[in-house]
């Protein structure tokens, strides 16, 4: 393989990765969040109770022990502090997290070979 081909491969792979991440963010950014399910409602209730100083308590008054209250608090904080829709905020967080996973996966593949990074 010539160095010129390697440079071309790197450029094409980088372009494919950038386009894939941009399309992912664009499409999921334009698609509205799905209808909130019971998990989202549970986490929001726990987060709002946590932000109110009641601890990780569900909307039904039960202590929620299986998970850390971090995600419910992150999800509910903008609503508690600024009145921002928690479900829309969670959708934004999911889009950003997905884009980060794509970039990290491409980075791992890139270390093997740039074209492999573009396949992620």
Foldseek 3Di string as FASTA:
>chain_A
DDPVVQVVLLVVLVVLLVVVLVVLLVVLVPDDDPDDDPVVQQLLQQLVCVVVVNHRAGPVGHHDPPDDNVVSVQLNVCCVPPVDHSRRVVSNVVSVVVSVVLQVQLVVLVVVPSNRSSVD
